[in-house]
Amino acid sequence: MSGIKYDKEILENVLHTLENEKIRAEADAEARKLKIYSALPRVAEIDAALRTTVFDVIRASFGKGEDTAALIARAKEKNTALVAERKKLTLPERVVGVIKCKNPRCITSVEREIVHEFVLADADKKAYRCIYCDHQAK
């Protein structure tokens, strides 16, 4: 009987740990998304528009007196165009306050009030360079 209780305690601890890791991972993903949205505001607009297409399809499927197939086709067309635009977005030339410089000798490591600023160094490699120390960030 004590062996079963011990096993339940281990299981509960593991489940609790996994739940905490899941919550932390979701928070990290949300923070990364917000950084992307601040650097590329159009991505936020496209994502919001993509979320509305779901409601357009739902509305069309419950609509009366309207051509449901045509409404769904328009929603699909809109969605396809938004996804294509999202894939074509380019990296910004300058990023301010989004990436942090990892160089311990950089002025931003010493002077905390200086805003981290990077310029696009290589668009193919998606690499940015710190404007203060030229350290490369990816």
C-alpha atoms as a PDB file:
ATOM      1  CA  MET A   1       0.000   0.000   0.000  1.00  0.00           C
ATOM      2  CA  SER A   2       2.819   2.451   0.787  1.00  0.00           C
ATOM      3  CA  GLY A   3       4.388   1.664  -2.603  1.00  0.00           C
ATOM      4  CA  ILE A   4       1.243   2.849  -4.407  1.00  0.00           C
ATOM      5  CA  LYS A   5       1.164   6.098  -2.454  1.00  0.00           C
ATOM      6  CA  TYR A   6       4.817   6.686  -3.275  1.00  0.00           C
ATOM      7  CA  ASP A   7       4.113   6.101  -6.980  1.00  0.00           C
ATOM      8  CA  LYS A   8       1.163   8.519  -6.889  1.00  0.00           C
ATOM      9  CA  GLU A   9       3.375  11.173  -5.285  1.00  0.00           C
ATOM     10  CA  ILE A  10       5.995  10.755  -7.993  1.00  0.00           C
ATOM     11  CA  LEU A  11       3.332  10.928 -10.707  1.00  0.00           C
ATOM     12  CA  GLU A  12       1.797  14.057  -9.172  1.00  0.00           C
ATOM     13  CA  ASN A  13       5.216  15.723  -8.946  1.00  0.00           C
ATOM     14  CA  VAL A  14       6.018  14.863 -12.549  1.00  0.00           C
ATOM     15  CA  LEU A  15       2.641  16.116 -13.757  1.00  0.00           C
ATOM     16  CA  HIS A  16       3.059  19.325 -11.756  1.00  0.00           C
ATOM     17  CA  THR A  17       6.540  19.862 -13.216  1.00  0.00           C
ATOM     18  CA  LEU A  18       5.300  19.234 -16.755  1.00  0.00           C
ATOM     19  CA  GLU A  19       2.401  21.638 -16.294  1.00  0.00           C
ATOM     20  CA  ASN A  20       4.780  24.356 -15.053  1.00  0.00           C
ATOM     21  CA  GLU A  21       7.098  23.770 -18.018  1.00  0.00           C
ATOM     22  CA  LYS A  22       4.126  23.978 -20.389  1.00  0.00           C
ATOM     23  CA  ILE A  23       3.022  27.288 -18.859  1.00  0.00           C
ATOM     24  CA  ARG A  24       6.571  28.672 -19.107  1.00  0.00           C
ATOM     25  CA  ALA A  25       6.917  27.521 -22.740  1.00  0.00           C
ATOM     26  CA  GLU A  26       3.598  29.148 -23.654  1.00  0.00           C
ATOM     27  CA  ALA A  27       4.691  32.404 -21.991  1.00  0.00           C
ATOM     28  CA  ASP A  28       8.013  32.289 -23.867  1.00  0.00           C
ATOM     29  CA  ALA A  29       6.199  31.698 -27.162  1.00  0.00           C
ATOM     30  CA  GLU A  30       3.873  34.631 -26.474  1.00  0.00           C
ATOM     31  CA  ALA A  31       6.851  36.871 -25.674  1.00  0.00           C
ATOM     32  CA  ARG A  32       8.565  35.861 -28.932  1.00  0.00           C
ATOM     33  CA  LYS A  33       5.350  36.566 -30.850  1.00  0.00           C
ATOM     34  CA  LEU A  34       5.087  40.034 -29.302  1.00  0.00           C
ATOM     35  CA  LYS A  35       8.705  40.762 -30.253  1.00  0.00           C
ATOM     36  CA  ILE A  36       7.959  39.778 -33.830  1.00  0.00           C
ATOM     37  CA  TYR A  37       4.832  41.925 -33.837  1.00  0.00           C
ATOM     38  CA  SER A  38       6.789  44.942 -32.574  1.00  0.00           C
ATOM     39  CA  ALA A  39       9.486  44.479 -35.234  1.00  0.00           C
ATOM     40  CA  LEU A  40       7.022  43.651 -38.025  1.00  0.00           C
ATOM     41  CA  PRO A  41       3.656  45.287 -37.282  1.00  0.00           C
ATOM     42  CA  ARG A  42       2.189  44.030 -40.550  1.00  0.00           C
ATOM     43  CA  VAL A  43       2.525  40.449 -39.255  1.00  0.00           C
ATOM     44  CA  ALA A  44       0.220  41.345 -36.363  1.00  0.00           C
ATOM     45  CA  GLU A  45      -2.301  42.845 -38.783  1.00  0.00           C
ATOM     46  CA  ILE A  46      -2.189  39.776 -41.029  1.00  0.00           C
ATOM     47  CA  ASP A  47      -2.572  37.393 -38.083  1.00  0.00           C
ATOM     48  CA  ALA A  48      -5.588  39.343 -36.839  1.00  0.00           C
ATOM     49  CA  ALA A  49      -7.135  39.260 -40.309  1.00  0.00           C
ATOM     50  CA  LEU A  50      -6.477  35.507 -40.579  1.00  0.00           C
ATOM     51  CA  ARG A  51      -8.311  34.941 -37.304  1.00  0.00           C
ATOM     52  CA  THR A  52     -11.362  36.762 -38.677  1.00  0.00           C
ATOM     53  CA  THR A  53     -11.594  34.467 -41.711  1.00  0.00           C
ATOM     54  CA  VAL A  54     -12.611  31.628 -39.397  1.00  0.00           C
ATOM     55  CA  PHE A  55     -15.606  33.672 -38.258  1.00  0.00           C
ATOM     56  CA  ASP A  56     -16.409  34.563 -41.862  1.00  0.00           C
ATOM     57  CA  VAL A  57     -16.639  30.856 -42.733  1.00  0.00           C
ATOM     58  CA  ILE A  58     -18.785  30.121 -39.657  1.00  0.00           C
ATOM     59  CA  ARG A  59     -21.092  33.026 -40.497  1.00  0.00           C
ATOM     60  CA  ALA A  60     -21.318  31.850 -44.094  1.00  0.00           C
ATOM     61  CA  SER A  61     -22.191  28.298 -43.104  1.00  0.00           C
ATOM     62  CA  PHE A  62     -25.074  29.488 -40.906  1.00  0.00           C
ATOM     63  CA  GLY A  63     -26.236  32.263 -43.234  1.00  0.00           C
ATOM     64  CA  LYS A  64     -29.670  32.132 -44.759  1.00  0.00           C
ATOM     65  CA  GLY A  65     -30.569  33.340 -48.194  1.00  0.00           C
ATOM     66  CA  GLU A  66     -26.951  33.839 -49.225  1.00  0.00           C
ATOM     67  CA  ASP A  67     -24.763  31.747 -51.466  1.00  0.00           C
ATOM     68  CA  THR A  68     -22.776  29.866 -48.799  1.00  0.00           C
ATOM     69  CA  ALA A  69     -20.316  28.385 -51.274  1.00  0.00           C
ATOM     70  CA  ALA A  70     -19.496  31.835 -52.686  1.00  0.00           C
ATOM     71  CA  LEU A  71     -18.993  33.300 -49.187  1.00  0.00           C
ATOM     72  CA  ILE A  72     -16.695  30.432 -48.217  1.00  0.00           C
ATOM     73  CA  ALA A  73     -14.772  30.800 -51.503  1.00  0.00           C
ATOM     74  CA  ARG A  74     -14.233  34.539 -50.818  1.00  0.00           C
ATOM     75  CA  ALA A  75     -13.042  33.778 -47.279  1.00  0.00           C
ATOM     76  CA  LYS A  76     -10.656  31.140 -48.637  1.00  0.00           C
ATOM     77  CA  GLU A  77      -9.345  33.556 -51.260  1.00  0.00           C
ATOM     78  CA  LYS A  78      -8.783  36.243 -48.617  1.00  0.00           C
ATOM     79  CA  ASN A  79      -7.033  33.743 -46.350  1.00  0.00           C
ATOM     80  CA  THR A  80      -4.781  32.496 -49.159  1.00  0.00           C
ATOM     81  CA  ALA A  81      -3.787  36.061 -50.089  1.00  0.00           C
ATOM     82  CA  LEU A  82      -2.980  36.924 -46.460  1.00  0.00           C
ATOM     83  CA  VAL A  83      -0.852  33.802 -45.997  1.00  0.00           C
ATOM     84  CA  ALA A  84       1.035  34.569 -49.221  1.00  0.00           C
ATOM     85  CA  GLU A  85       1.669  38.150 -48.076  1.00  0.00           C
ATOM     86  CA  ARG A  86       2.855  36.952 -44.664  1.00  0.00           C
ATOM     87  CA  LYS A  87       5.394  34.642 -46.313  1.00  0.00           C
ATOM     88  CA  LYS A  88       6.716  37.485 -48.498  1.00  0.00           C
ATOM     89  CA  LEU A  89       7.383  39.914 -45.653  1.00  0.00           C
ATOM     90  CA  THR A  90      10.985  41.021 -45.418  1.00  0.00           C
ATOM     91  CA  LEU A  91      13.107  41.626 -42.385  1.00  0.00           C
ATOM     92  CA  PRO A  92      13.325  45.239 -41.216  1.00  0.00           C
ATOM     93  CA  GLU A  93      16.586  47.093 -41.850  1.00  0.00           C
ATOM     94  CA  ARG A  94      16.746  48.312 -38.236  1.00  0.00           C
ATOM     95  CA  VAL A  95      15.490  46.622 -35.064  1.00  0.00           C
ATOM     96  CA  VAL A  96      15.259  48.633 -31.845  1.00  0.00           C
ATOM     97  CA  GLY A  97      14.610  47.091 -28.425  1.00  0.00           C
ATOM     98  CA  VAL A  98      13.791  43.626 -29.752  1.00  0.00           C
ATOM     99  CA  ILE A  99      17.128  41.781 -29.838  1.00  0.00           C
ATOM    100  CA  LYS A 100      19.564  42.024 -26.932  1.00  0.00           C
ATOM    101  CA  CYS A 101      23.298  42.121 -27.541  1.00  0.00           C
ATOM    102  CA  LYS A 102      25.067  39.104 -26.016  1.00  0.00           C
ATOM    103  CA  ASN A 103      28.538  40.677 -26.171  1.00  0.00           C
ATOM    104  CA  PRO A 104      29.666  41.285 -22.558  1.00  0.00           C
ATOM    105  CA  ARG A 105      31.948  44.113 -23.753  1.00  0.00           C
ATOM    106  CA  CYS A 106      29.129  45.978 -25.506  1.00  0.00           C
ATOM    107  CA  ILE A 107      28.125  49.336 -24.040  1.00  0.00           C
ATOM    108  CA  THR A 108      24.557  48.001 -23.692  1.00  0.00           C
ATOM    109  CA  SER A 109      25.835  45.422 -21.189  1.00  0.00           C
ATOM    110  CA  VAL A 110      27.275  48.167 -18.975  1.00  0.00           C
ATOM    111  CA  GLU A 111      24.856  51.045 -19.539  1.00  0.00           C
ATOM    112  CA  ARG A 112      21.433  49.497 -18.905  1.00  0.00           C
ATOM    113  CA  GLU A 113      19.440  52.519 -20.105  1.00  0.00           C
ATOM    114  CA  ILE A 114      20.854  52.314 -23.639  1.00  0.00           C
ATOM    115  CA  VAL A 115      18.350  50.709 -25.987  1.00  0.00           C
ATOM    116  CA  HIS A 116      19.640  47.714 -27.931  1.00  0.00           C
ATOM    117  CA  GLU A 117      19.713  48.520 -31.617  1.00  0.00           C
ATOM    118  CA  PHE A 118      20.632  46.262 -34.525  1.00  0.00           C
ATOM    119  CA  VAL A 119      20.918  46.671 -38.286  1.00  0.00           C
ATOM    120  CA  LEU A 120      20.330  43.944 -40.847  1.00  0.00           C
ATOM    121  CA  ALA A 121      23.721  42.550 -41.875  1.00  0.00           C
ATOM    122  CA  ASP A 122      22.694  39.557 -43.988  1.00  0.00           C
ATOM    123  CA  ALA A 123      19.078  39.058 -45.020  1.00  0.00           C
ATOM    124  CA  ASP A 124      19.685  35.525 -46.338  1.00  0.00           C
ATOM    125  CA  LYS A 125      21.155  34.385 -43.015  1.00  0.00           C
ATOM    126  CA  LYS A 126      18.705  36.560 -41.053  1.00  0.00           C
ATOM    127  CA  ALA A 127      21.641  38.072 -39.216  1.00  0.00           C
ATOM    128  CA  TYR A 128      21.722  41.422 -37.477  1.00  0.00           C
ATOM    129  CA  ARG A 129      24.683  43.390 -36.109  1.00  0.00           C
ATOM    130  CA  CYS A 130      24.725  45.552 -32.993  1.00  0.00           C
ATOM    131  CA  ILE A 131      25.247  49.220 -33.926  1.00  0.00           C
ATOM    132  CA  TYR A 132      27.466  49.740 -30.868  1.00  0.00           C
ATOM    133  CA  CYS A 133      29.887  46.789 -30.976  1.00  0.00           C
ATOM    134  CA  ASP A 134      29.190  45.096 -34.345  1.00  0.00           C
ATOM    135  CA  HIS A 135      28.404  41.788 -32.593  1.00  0.00           C
ATOM    136  CA  GLN A 136      26.298  39.521 -34.813  1.00  0.00           C
ATOM    137  CA  ALA A 137      22.944  38.193 -33.632  1.00  0.00           C
ATOM    138  CA  LYS A 138      20.803  35.655 -35.462  1.00  0.00           C
END
